[in-house]
């Protein structure tokens, strides 16, 4: 079963796609990285839908969704997602999957609505201290390119505010958490790659049921380079193997 719909949430029409015909299992909610629409999950959505219901959606201003007048910070995005899920009558708990900036959103969702979250899969997610701790270790060219990329939904200031929101709400969680780290970024030096992996490992310690997984042959988009790593992580949590 595949359902596509556009639902008005607050002041914006959000596009959503629900795939699967499974009862009694948590619905998998997938959130893409900054500036990406839901099509970034196309390489693996049907594999996940073979064992769980999956919802992908376009955040405001992306893909088939309209633009919102609300600021584009994680807290606003999380509120919109929560309302979308409830308007769709999708019963919690949910298994949240977030890539890159989408991982910021999903971590924030897990702390804002803990009673609704069954588990969390972070796919090369952005750590809350990325700007202070990781970015300064990179070249000036890299740092400038990073700051200039934020033109599609939130601007640079809103992205930094989102990381601050994540830092301010950071707390210990007690749900299954799998942290997937991309281990083959061509533009990272050996020391930068090691630092990135270390920061991802630290995210895994957020949960008493956390685990770090290195996707050795993947660049940032693990879902494209090694989709089976993401699929297997989701399947493990759905089946209750932590």
C-alpha atoms as a PDB file:
ATOM      1  CA  UNK A   1       0.000   0.000   0.000  1.00  0.00           C
ATOM      2  CA  UNK A   2       1.322   3.434  -0.968  1.00  0.00           C
ATOM      3  CA  UNK A   3      -0.490   6.644  -0.053  1.00  0.00           C
ATOM      4  CA  UNK A   4       0.600  10.107  -1.096  1.00  0.00           C
ATOM      5  CA  UNK A   5      -1.045  13.145   0.440  1.00  0.00           C
ATOM      6  CA  UNK A   6      -0.696  16.864   1.101  1.00  0.00           C
ATOM      7  CA  UNK A   7      -1.805  17.949   4.570  1.00  0.00           C
ATOM      8  CA  UNK A   8      -2.138  21.482   5.905  1.00  0.00           C
ATOM      9  CA  UNK A   9      -0.099  21.871   9.080  1.00  0.00           C
ATOM     10  CA  UNK A  10      -0.238  25.269  10.753  1.00  0.00           C
ATOM     11  CA  UNK A  11       0.363  27.650   7.810  1.00  0.00           C
ATOM     12  CA  UNK A  12       1.917  25.209   5.342  1.00  0.00           C
ATOM     13  CA  UNK A  13       0.916  22.312   3.095  1.00  0.00           C
ATOM     14  CA  UNK A  14       3.232  19.345   3.723  1.00  0.00           C
ATOM     15  CA  UNK A  15       3.671  16.456   1.300  1.00  0.00           C
ATOM     16  CA  UNK A  16       3.845  12.984   2.861  1.00  0.00           C
ATOM     17  CA  UNK A  17       4.094   9.449   1.531  1.00  0.00           C
ATOM     18  CA  UNK A  18       3.149   6.386   3.574  1.00  0.00           C
ATOM     19  CA  UNK A  19       4.261   2.940   2.398  1.00  0.00           C
ATOM     20  CA  UNK A  20       3.575  -0.503   3.898  1.00  0.00           C
ATOM     21  CA  UNK A  21       0.819  -2.766   5.185  1.00  0.00           C
ATOM     22  CA  UNK A  22       1.957  -3.770   8.658  1.00  0.00           C
ATOM     23  CA  UNK A  23       0.006  -3.814  11.892  1.00  0.00           C
ATOM     24  CA  UNK A  24       1.296  -3.765  15.438  1.00  0.00           C
ATOM     25  CA  UNK A  25       4.761  -2.389  14.658  1.00  0.00           C
ATOM     26  CA  UNK A  26       6.166   1.120  15.129  1.00  0.00           C
ATOM     27  CA  UNK A  27       5.873   3.328  12.054  1.00  0.00           C
ATOM     28  CA  UNK A  28       9.272   4.373  10.686  1.00  0.00           C
ATOM     29  CA  UNK A  29       9.491   8.164  10.231  1.00  0.00           C
ATOM     30  CA  UNK A  30      12.363   9.346   8.018  1.00  0.00           C
ATOM     31  CA  UNK A  31      13.722  12.898   7.945  1.00  0.00           C
ATOM     32  CA  UNK A  32      16.214  14.007   5.272  1.00  0.00           C
ATOM     33  CA  UNK A  33      19.254  16.253   5.555  1.00  0.00           C
ATOM     34  CA  UNK A  34      19.381  20.012   5.061  1.00  0.00           C
ATOM     35  CA  UNK A  35      17.943  21.101   1.698  1.00  0.00           C
ATOM     36  CA  UNK A  36      16.989  17.537   0.750  1.00  0.00           C
ATOM     37  CA  UNK A  37      13.471  16.357   0.065  1.00  0.00           C
ATOM     38  CA  UNK A  38      12.092  12.897   0.758  1.00  0.00           C
ATOM     39  CA  UNK A  39      13.432  11.469  -2.509  1.00  0.00           C
ATOM     40  CA  UNK A  40      16.803  10.894  -0.822  1.00  0.00           C
ATOM     41  CA  UNK A  41      15.294   7.767   0.745  1.00  0.00           C
ATOM     42  CA  UNK A  42      14.199   6.215  -2.578  1.00  0.00           C
ATOM     43  CA  UNK A  43      17.081   3.727  -2.645  1.00  0.00           C
ATOM     44  CA  UNK A  44      15.798   1.927   0.431  1.00  0.00           C
ATOM     45  CA  UNK A  45      12.184   2.805   1.239  1.00  0.00           C
ATOM     46  CA  UNK A  46      10.699  -0.311  -0.366  1.00  0.00           C
ATOM     47  CA  UNK A  47      13.139  -2.565   1.487  1.00  0.00           C
ATOM     48  CA  UNK A  48      12.043  -1.045   4.799  1.00  0.00           C
ATOM     49  CA  UNK A  49       8.383  -1.218   3.763  1.00  0.00           C
ATOM     50  CA  UNK A  50       8.794  -4.988   3.460  1.00  0.00           C
ATOM     51  CA  UNK A  51       8.833  -5.252   7.278  1.00  0.00           C
ATOM     52  CA  UNK A  52       7.403  -1.943   8.596  1.00  0.00           C
ATOM     53  CA  UNK A  53       5.212   0.977   7.614  1.00  0.00           C
ATOM     54  CA  UNK A  54       7.335   3.919   6.473  1.00  0.00           C
ATOM     55  CA  UNK A  55       6.532   7.624   6.311  1.00  0.00           C
ATOM     56  CA  UNK A  56       8.694  10.015   4.323  1.00  0.00           C
ATOM     57  CA  UNK A  57       7.807  13.677   3.929  1.00  0.00           C
ATOM     58  CA  UNK A  58       9.063  16.978   2.550  1.00  0.00           C
ATOM     59  CA  UNK A  59       9.774  19.685   5.098  1.00  0.00           C
ATOM     60  CA  UNK A  60       8.345  23.125   4.393  1.00  0.00           C
ATOM     61  CA  UNK A  61       9.943  24.772   1.365  1.00  0.00           C
ATOM     62  CA  UNK A  62      11.270  21.524  -0.081  1.00  0.00           C
ATOM     63  CA  UNK A  63      10.034  19.069  -2.701  1.00  0.00           C
ATOM     64  CA  UNK A  64       6.255  19.087  -3.014  1.00  0.00           C
ATOM     65  CA  UNK A  65       5.626  20.971   0.232  1.00  0.00           C
ATOM     66  CA  UNK A  66       4.740  24.648   0.436  1.00  0.00           C
ATOM     67  CA  UNK A  67       6.729  27.334   2.207  1.00  0.00           C
ATOM     68  CA  UNK A  68       6.163  28.308   5.822  1.00  0.00           C
ATOM     69  CA  UNK A  69       6.244  31.768   7.410  1.00  0.00           C
ATOM     70  CA  UNK A  70       7.614  30.242  10.635  1.00  0.00           C
ATOM     71  CA  UNK A  71      11.349  30.330  11.217  1.00  0.00           C
ATOM     72  CA  UNK A  72      13.202  27.323   9.854  1.00  0.00           C
ATOM     73  CA  UNK A  73      14.724  25.970  13.036  1.00  0.00           C
ATOM     74  CA  UNK A  74      14.621  22.403  14.272  1.00  0.00           C
ATOM     75  CA  UNK A  75      12.122  23.222  17.005  1.00  0.00           C
ATOM     76  CA  UNK A  76       9.626  24.577  14.458  1.00  0.00           C
ATOM     77  CA  UNK A  77      10.220  21.611  12.124  1.00  0.00           C
ATOM     78  CA  UNK A  78       9.665  19.154  14.961  1.00  0.00           C
ATOM     79  CA  UNK A  79       6.398  20.835  15.926  1.00  0.00           C
ATOM     80  CA  UNK A  80       5.232  20.647  12.310  1.00  0.00           C
ATOM     81  CA  UNK A  81       6.192  16.982  12.052  1.00  0.00           C
ATOM     82  CA  UNK A  82       4.374  16.162  15.285  1.00  0.00           C
ATOM     83  CA  UNK A  83       1.206  17.832  14.040  1.00  0.00           C
ATOM     84  CA  UNK A  84       1.529  16.077  10.665  1.00  0.00           C
ATOM     85  CA  UNK A  85       1.753  12.658  12.315  1.00  0.00           C
ATOM     86  CA  UNK A  86      -1.260  13.323  14.514  1.00  0.00           C
ATOM     87  CA  UNK A  87      -3.331  14.704  11.648  1.00  0.00           C
ATOM     88  CA  UNK A  88      -2.533  11.508   9.730  1.00  0.00           C
ATOM     89  CA  UNK A  89      -3.730   9.473  12.736  1.00  0.00           C
ATOM     90  CA  UNK A  90      -0.443   7.599  12.882  1.00  0.00           C
ATOM     91  CA  UNK A  91      -0.351   6.113  16.339  1.00  0.00           C
ATOM     92  CA  UNK A  92       2.909   6.293  18.289  1.00  0.00           C
ATOM     93  CA  UNK A  93       5.391   5.069  19.239  1.00  0.00           C
ATOM     94  CA  UNK A  94       7.514   5.895  16.188  1.00  0.00           C
ATOM     95  CA  UNK A  95      10.934   4.714  15.064  1.00  0.00           C
ATOM     96  CA  UNK A  96      12.720   7.899  13.994  1.00  0.00           C
ATOM     97  CA  UNK A  97      15.404   7.931  11.292  1.00  0.00           C
ATOM     98  CA  UNK A  98      17.311  11.144  10.615  1.00  0.00           C
ATOM     99  CA  UNK A  99      20.084  11.883   8.117  1.00  0.00           C
ATOM    100  CA  UNK A 100      22.528  14.749   8.664  1.00  0.00           C
ATOM    101  CA  UNK A 101      20.471  17.818   9.745  1.00  0.00           C
ATOM    102  CA  UNK A 102      17.452  15.495   9.874  1.00  0.00           C
ATOM    103  CA  UNK A 103      19.268  13.777  12.736  1.00  0.00           C
ATOM    104  CA  UNK A 104      19.206  17.064  14.655  1.00  0.00           C
ATOM    105  CA  UNK A 105      15.439  17.168  14.150  1.00  0.00           C
ATOM    106  CA  UNK A 106      14.912  13.564  15.200  1.00  0.00           C
ATOM    107  CA  UNK A 107      17.010  13.913  18.347  1.00  0.00           C
ATOM    108  CA  UNK A 108      15.009  16.987  19.265  1.00  0.00           C
ATOM    109  CA  UNK A 109      11.748  15.151  18.569  1.00  0.00           C
ATOM    110  CA  UNK A 110      12.856  12.358  20.920  1.00  0.00           C
ATOM    111  CA  UNK A 111      13.421  14.840  23.766  1.00  0.00           C
ATOM    112  CA  UNK A 112      10.320  16.968  23.041  1.00  0.00           C
ATOM    113  CA  UNK A 113       7.949  13.987  22.729  1.00  0.00           C
ATOM    114  CA  UNK A 114       9.687  11.104  24.548  1.00  0.00           C
ATOM    115  CA  UNK A 115       6.469   9.168  25.123  1.00  0.00           C
ATOM    116  CA  UNK A 116       5.973   8.945  21.337  1.00  0.00           C
ATOM    117  CA  UNK A 117       9.368   7.528  20.398  1.00  0.00           C
ATOM    118  CA  UNK A 118      10.225   3.836  20.258  1.00  0.00           C
ATOM    119  CA  UNK A 119      13.760   4.135  18.912  1.00  0.00           C
ATOM    120  CA  UNK A 120      16.180   6.303  16.983  1.00  0.00           C
ATOM    121  CA  UNK A 121      18.523   5.725  14.026  1.00  0.00           C
ATOM    122  CA  UNK A 122      20.943   8.566  13.265  1.00  0.00           C
ATOM    123  CA  UNK A 123      22.493   8.468   9.789  1.00  0.00           C
ATOM    124  CA  UNK A 124      25.719  10.500   9.793  1.00  0.00           C
ATOM    125  CA  UNK A 125      23.866  13.071  11.855  1.00  0.00           C
ATOM    126  CA  UNK A 126      25.173  16.543  12.668  1.00  0.00           C
ATOM    127  CA  UNK A 127      26.458  16.775  16.267  1.00  0.00           C
ATOM    128  CA  UNK A 128      25.300  19.743  18.349  1.00  0.00           C
ATOM    129  CA  UNK A 129      28.898  20.989  18.765  1.00  0.00           C
ATOM    130  CA  UNK A 130      29.773  20.718  15.053  1.00  0.00           C
ATOM    131  CA  UNK A 131      30.547  24.413  14.594  1.00  0.00           C
ATOM    132  CA  UNK A 132      32.651  24.805  17.742  1.00  0.00           C
ATOM    133  CA  UNK A 133      34.508  21.522  17.673  1.00  0.00           C
ATOM    134  CA  UNK A 134      34.678  20.068  14.161  1.00  0.00           C
ATOM    135  CA  UNK A 135      34.443  22.975  11.734  1.00  0.00           C
ATOM    136  CA  UNK A 136      37.561  24.803  13.021  1.00  0.00           C
ATOM    137  CA  UNK A 137      39.698  21.749  12.193  1.00  0.00           C
ATOM    138  CA  UNK A 138      38.815  22.017   8.493  1.00  0.00           C
ATOM    139  CA  UNK A 139      40.317  24.299   5.833  1.00  0.00           C
ATOM    140  CA  UNK A 140      39.139  27.902   5.425  1.00  0.00           C
ATOM    141  CA  UNK A 141      37.758  26.935   2.021  1.00  0.00           C
ATOM    142  CA  UNK A 142      35.665  24.167   3.592  1.00  0.00           C
ATOM    143  CA  UNK A 143      34.423  26.466   6.351  1.00  0.00           C
ATOM    144  CA  UNK A 144      33.366  29.145   3.880  1.00  0.00           C
ATOM    145  CA  UNK A 145      31.599  26.626   1.657  1.00  0.00           C
ATOM    146  CA  UNK A 146      29.777  25.244   4.706  1.00  0.00           C
ATOM    147  CA  UNK A 147      28.434  28.664   5.709  1.00  0.00           C
ATOM    148  CA  UNK A 148      27.349  29.529   2.140  1.00  0.00           C
ATOM    149  CA  UNK A 149      25.349  26.348   1.501  1.00  0.00           C
ATOM    150  CA  UNK A 150      22.336  27.302   3.631  1.00  0.00           C
ATOM    151  CA  UNK A 151      20.053  28.890   1.057  1.00  0.00           C
ATOM    152  CA  UNK A 152      17.265  26.349   0.528  1.00  0.00           C
ATOM    153  CA  UNK A 153      15.227  26.249   3.761  1.00  0.00           C
ATOM    154  CA  UNK A 154      16.741  27.729   6.914  1.00  0.00           C
ATOM    155  CA  UNK A 155      19.607  30.211   6.604  1.00  0.00           C
ATOM    156  CA  UNK A 156      22.958  29.817   8.351  1.00  0.00           C
ATOM    157  CA  UNK A 157      21.765  31.623  11.489  1.00  0.00           C
ATOM    158  CA  UNK A 158      18.706  29.355  11.755  1.00  0.00           C
ATOM    159  CA  UNK A 159      20.829  26.233  11.372  1.00  0.00           C
ATOM    160  CA  UNK A 160      23.177  27.415  14.124  1.00  0.00           C
ATOM    161  CA  UNK A 161      20.125  28.218  16.274  1.00  0.00           C
ATOM    162  CA  UNK A 162      18.906  24.656  15.675  1.00  0.00           C
ATOM    163  CA  UNK A 163      22.202  23.237  16.936  1.00  0.00           C
ATOM    164  CA  UNK A 164      21.876  25.495  19.996  1.00  0.00           C
ATOM    165  CA  UNK A 165      18.339  24.176  20.575  1.00  0.00           C
ATOM    166  CA  UNK A 166      19.700  20.643  20.431  1.00  0.00           C
ATOM    167  CA  UNK A 167      22.472  21.476  22.891  1.00  0.00           C
ATOM    168  CA  UNK A 168      20.075  23.151  25.335  1.00  0.00           C
ATOM    169  CA  UNK A 169      17.663  20.198  25.345  1.00  0.00           C
ATOM    170  CA  UNK A 170      20.346  17.502  25.391  1.00  0.00           C
ATOM    171  CA  UNK A 171      19.567  14.801  27.911  1.00  0.00           C
ATOM    172  CA  UNK A 172      20.016  11.138  28.608  1.00  0.00           C
ATOM    173  CA  UNK A 173      17.491   8.953  26.794  1.00  0.00           C
ATOM    174  CA  UNK A 174      16.550   5.339  27.398  1.00  0.00           C
ATOM    175  CA  UNK A 175      15.389   4.136  24.001  1.00  0.00           C
ATOM    176  CA  UNK A 176      17.248   1.999  21.451  1.00  0.00           C
ATOM    177  CA  UNK A 177      19.670   4.238  19.539  1.00  0.00           C
ATOM    178  CA  UNK A 178      21.856   3.253  16.579  1.00  0.00           C
ATOM    179  CA  UNK A 179      24.359   5.842  15.356  1.00  0.00           C
ATOM    180  CA  UNK A 180      25.646   5.242  11.817  1.00  0.00           C
ATOM    181  CA  UNK A 181      28.837   7.063  10.854  1.00  0.00           C
ATOM    182  CA  UNK A 182      30.159   7.527   7.304  1.00  0.00           C
ATOM    183  CA  UNK A 183      33.722   6.246   7.259  1.00  0.00           C
ATOM    184  CA  UNK A 184      34.902   7.235   3.787  1.00  0.00           C
ATOM    185  CA  UNK A 185      34.611  10.959   3.194  1.00  0.00           C
ATOM    186  CA  UNK A 186      36.973  11.872   0.366  1.00  0.00           C
ATOM    187  CA  UNK A 187      37.401  15.488   1.527  1.00  0.00           C
ATOM    188  CA  UNK A 188      38.293  14.552   5.115  1.00  0.00           C
ATOM    189  CA  UNK A 189      41.849  14.126   6.278  1.00  0.00           C
ATOM    190  CA  UNK A 190      42.632  11.061   8.373  1.00  0.00           C
ATOM    191  CA  UNK A 191      42.493  13.131  11.563  1.00  0.00           C
ATOM    192  CA  UNK A 192      39.204  14.790  10.526  1.00  0.00           C
ATOM    193  CA  UNK A 193      37.641  11.402   9.817  1.00  0.00           C
ATOM    194  CA  UNK A 194      38.776  10.108  13.198  1.00  0.00           C
ATOM    195  CA  UNK A 195      37.355  13.177  14.958  1.00  0.00           C
ATOM    196  CA  UNK A 196      34.060  12.779  13.110  1.00  0.00           C
ATOM    197  CA  UNK A 197      33.835   9.125  14.131  1.00  0.00           C
ATOM    198  CA  UNK A 198      34.654  10.029  17.731  1.00  0.00           C
ATOM    199  CA  UNK A 199      31.867  12.608  17.807  1.00  0.00           C
ATOM    200  CA  UNK A 200      29.446  10.065  16.370  1.00  0.00           C
ATOM    201  CA  UNK A 201      30.497   7.550  19.036  1.00  0.00           C
ATOM    202  CA  UNK A 202      29.763  10.163  21.700  1.00  0.00           C
ATOM    203  CA  UNK A 203      26.240  10.541  20.322  1.00  0.00           C
ATOM    204  CA  UNK A 204      25.721   6.819  20.830  1.00  0.00           C
ATOM    205  CA  UNK A 205      26.363   7.316  24.563  1.00  0.00           C
ATOM    206  CA  UNK A 206      23.277   9.564  24.796  1.00  0.00           C
ATOM    207  CA  UNK A 207      21.207   6.431  25.341  1.00  0.00           C
ATOM    208  CA  UNK A 208      21.636   3.600  27.797  1.00  0.00           C
ATOM    209  CA  UNK A 209      20.742   1.457  24.768  1.00  0.00           C
ATOM    210  CA  UNK A 210      23.043   3.183  22.274  1.00  0.00           C
ATOM    211  CA  UNK A 211      25.376   1.617  19.709  1.00  0.00           C
ATOM    212  CA  UNK A 212      27.856   3.030  17.183  1.00  0.00           C
ATOM    213  CA  UNK A 213      28.084   1.496  13.692  1.00  0.00           C
ATOM    214  CA  UNK A 214      30.752   2.491  11.159  1.00  0.00           C
ATOM    215  CA  UNK A 215      29.703   2.417   7.501  1.00  0.00           C
ATOM    216  CA  UNK A 216      33.241   1.888   6.262  1.00  0.00           C
ATOM    217  CA  UNK A 217      32.570   2.354   2.544  1.00  0.00           C
ATOM    218  CA  UNK A 218      30.178   5.280   2.708  1.00  0.00           C
ATOM    219  CA  UNK A 219      30.450   8.994   2.192  1.00  0.00           C
ATOM    220  CA  UNK A 220      27.874  11.283   3.822  1.00  0.00           C
ATOM    221  CA  UNK A 221      24.845   9.699   2.113  1.00  0.00           C
ATOM    222  CA  UNK A 222      25.041   6.247   3.666  1.00  0.00           C
ATOM    223  CA  UNK A 223      21.551   5.489   2.354  1.00  0.00           C
ATOM    224  CA  UNK A 224      22.969   5.713  -1.185  1.00  0.00           C
ATOM    225  CA  UNK A 225      26.420   4.172  -0.708  1.00  0.00           C
ATOM    226  CA  UNK A 226      25.467   1.347   1.658  1.00  0.00           C
ATOM    227  CA  UNK A 227      21.663   1.337   1.942  1.00  0.00           C
ATOM    228  CA  UNK A 228      21.763  -2.108   3.530  1.00  0.00           C
ATOM    229  CA  UNK A 229      23.503  -0.621   6.594  1.00  0.00           C
ATOM    230  CA  UNK A 230      20.567   1.721   7.189  1.00  0.00           C
ATOM    231  CA  UNK A 231      17.954  -0.923   6.378  1.00  0.00           C
ATOM    232  CA  UNK A 232      19.564  -3.452   8.725  1.00  0.00           C
ATOM    233  CA  UNK A 233      19.743  -0.886  11.541  1.00  0.00           C
ATOM    234  CA  UNK A 234      16.034  -0.127  11.209  1.00  0.00           C
ATOM    235  CA  UNK A 235      15.195  -3.815  11.003  1.00  0.00           C
ATOM    236  CA  UNK A 236      17.175  -4.581  14.147  1.00  0.00           C
ATOM    237  CA  UNK A 237      15.210  -2.022  16.139  1.00  0.00           C
ATOM    238  CA  UNK A 238      11.854  -3.100  14.696  1.00  0.00           C
ATOM    239  CA  UNK A 239      12.650  -6.669  15.687  1.00  0.00           C
ATOM    240  CA  UNK A 240      13.742  -5.591  19.136  1.00  0.00           C
ATOM    241  CA  UNK A 241      17.431  -6.524  18.845  1.00  0.00           C
ATOM    242  CA  UNK A 242      19.427  -3.754  20.475  1.00  0.00           C
END
